[in-house]
Amino acid sequence: MSFQNALSAADLEPGQMTKVLIDGRAILIANVEGEFFASDDSCTHEEVSLCKGALMGHLVMCPYHGSRFDLRNGNVLEDPAEEALRVYPVRLIEGVVQVDID
């Protein structure tokens, strides 16, 4: 695995999400009750930035057509998206959120 620094954990409160660039790729980072999750930031339906949507527990909702995805596994939970969201391994090292996008 090839983990890379994404952001300081202190910069993302529980219930918040943000977009970071790792190797030129837009990655969504979400803090769900102190546990961090990472996925592609683009909705698989219309390539809209998910960080502009809503975070509801482990679910992220696209702001454009309302597709919902489970950040734990990327599964689509609500149409119109049909393709799962790519998710990435995350770890927390000395207060830094690290993501493996390989």
Protein backbone atom coordinates (compact mmCIF):
# COMPACT_ATOMS: atom_id res chain seq x y z
CA MET A 1 0.00 0.00 0.00
CA SER A 2 1.09 3.53 -0.71
CA PHE A 3 -0.58 5.90 1.73
CA GLN A 4 -0.30 9.63 1.11
CA ASN A 5 -1.08 12.55 3.38
CA ALA A 6 -4.48 14.08 2.65
CA LEU A 7 -5.14 16.57 5.47
CA SER A 8 -4.86 17.15 9.18
CA ALA A 9 -7.62 15.34 11.06
CA ALA A 10 -8.13 18.52 13.13
CA ASP A 11 -9.20 20.35 9.95
CA LEU A 12 -12.29 18.19 9.43
CA GLU A 13 -14.90 18.04 12.19
CA PRO A 14 -17.27 15.07 12.57
CA GLY A 15 -20.13 15.39 10.09
CA GLN A 16 -18.04 17.35 7.61
CA MET A 17 -16.51 16.43 4.26
CA THR A 18 -14.09 18.09 1.89
CA LYS A 19 -12.31 17.58 -1.39
CA VAL A 20 -8.54 17.15 -1.60
CA LEU A 21 -6.25 16.55 -4.55
CA ILE A 22 -3.93 13.56 -4.36
CA ASP A 23 -1.70 13.02 -7.39
CA GLY A 24 -4.08 15.22 -9.39
CA ARG A 25 -7.13 13.13 -8.46
CA ALA A 26 -10.11 14.73 -6.65
CA ILE A 27 -10.76 12.71 -3.48
CA LEU A 28 -13.66 13.19 -1.07
CA ILE A 29 -12.70 12.87 2.60
CA ALA A 30 -15.52 12.53 5.13
CA ASN A 31 -15.41 12.47 8.93
CA VAL A 32 -18.18 10.24 10.25
CA GLU A 33 -18.19 10.41 14.05
CA GLY A 34 -14.38 10.51 14.15
CA GLU A 35 -13.86 7.80 11.53
CA PHE A 36 -12.52 8.95 8.18
CA PHE A 37 -13.60 7.70 4.76
CA ALA A 38 -12.25 8.45 1.28
CA SER A 39 -13.80 8.07 -2.16
CA ASP A 40 -13.68 9.63 -5.60
CA ASP A 41 -15.27 13.06 -5.39
CA SER A 42 -17.25 12.70 -8.64
CA CYS A 43 -20.71 11.15 -8.73
CA THR A 44 -20.73 8.14 -11.03
CA HIS A 45 -23.92 9.39 -12.68
CA GLU A 46 -23.06 12.92 -13.88
CA GLU A 47 -19.53 13.58 -12.56
CA VAL A 48 -20.74 16.26 -10.13
CA SER A 49 -18.57 17.03 -7.09
CA LEU A 50 -19.95 15.08 -4.13
CA CYS A 51 -18.32 17.37 -1.56
CA LYS A 52 -21.02 19.92 -2.47
CA GLY A 53 -23.71 17.41 -1.49
CA ALA A 54 -24.92 16.22 1.90
CA LEU A 55 -23.31 13.85 4.39
CA MET A 56 -25.78 11.79 6.43
CA GLY A 57 -23.90 9.33 8.61
CA HIS A 58 -22.05 6.99 6.23
CA LEU A 59 -24.09 8.20 3.26
CA VAL A 60 -23.16 10.93 0.81
CA MET A 61 -25.83 12.41 -1.44
CA CYS A 62 -25.06 13.99 -4.79
CA PRO A 63 -26.29 17.60 -4.96
CA TYR A 64 -27.39 17.29 -8.58
CA HIS A 65 -29.81 14.35 -8.91
CA GLY A 66 -29.84 12.96 -5.36
CA SER A 67 -27.94 9.69 -5.90
CA ARG A 68 -26.77 8.31 -2.57
CA PHE A 69 -23.67 6.24 -1.88
CA ASP A 70 -22.42 4.32 1.16
CA LEU A 71 -18.91 5.60 1.95
CA ARG A 72 -17.98 2.33 3.66
CA ASN A 73 -18.12 0.33 0.42
CA GLY A 74 -19.15 2.70 -2.38
CA ASN A 75 -22.47 0.96 -3.02
CA VAL A 76 -25.23 2.93 -4.73
CA LEU A 77 -28.25 3.25 -2.45
CA GLU A 78 -30.46 5.49 -4.58
CA ASP A 79 -30.86 6.11 -8.31
CA PRO A 80 -30.16 7.54 -10.79
CA ALA A 81 -26.53 6.41 -10.31
CA GLU A 82 -25.99 2.76 -11.15
CA GLU A 83 -22.22 2.41 -10.80
CA ALA A 84 -20.61 2.10 -7.37
CA LEU A 85 -18.37 4.85 -6.07
CA ARG A 86 -14.68 3.96 -5.80
CA VAL A 87 -13.56 4.04 -2.17
CA TYR A 88 -10.03 4.02 -0.78
CA PRO A 89 -8.27 2.73 2.35
CA VAL A 90 -7.75 5.41 4.99
CA ARG A 91 -5.58 5.52 8.09
CA LEU A 92 -4.85 8.11 10.75
CA ILE A 93 -1.18 8.57 11.64
CA GLU A 94 -0.14 11.18 14.24
CA GLY A 95 -3.20 13.31 13.50
CA VAL A 96 -2.84 13.14 9.72
CA VAL A 97 -5.45 11.48 7.49
CA GLN A 98 -3.68 9.34 4.92
CA VAL A 99 -5.27 7.76 1.84
CA ASP A 100 -4.08 4.97 -0.45
CA ILE A 101 -5.34 5.74 -3.97
CA ASP A 102 -3.34 3.01 -5.73
